[in-house]
């Protein structure tokens, strides 16, 4: 790891297109930085990215609720739900080729 000492307003260049600027340093030691990078470069805070990864792992390992899936399947099919009531049909979306009806202006 490269460790650098910078003052407010000083910059660090990474490659040809990433610039890190020290914007402010507070009395309690917190450092505010600015990052200039191409839009396609992903920039994440480590703690946020780790929380997202943990939630994804938990979601992938969770077992789906069989009743919820059965209810979902019956609604998709427009048939009766497991409890016997009629499920609402899934609304359909008009295709791009269909033209809306003419307006009466």
Foldseek 3Di string as FASTA:
>chain_A
DDDDDDDAQDWDDDPDFKIKGFHDADPVGDTDIDITGPPVDDDDDPVVVVVVVVVVVVVVPDDDDPLVVQQVVQQDVQQAHPVGHGHDHDDDDDDPPDDDDDDDD
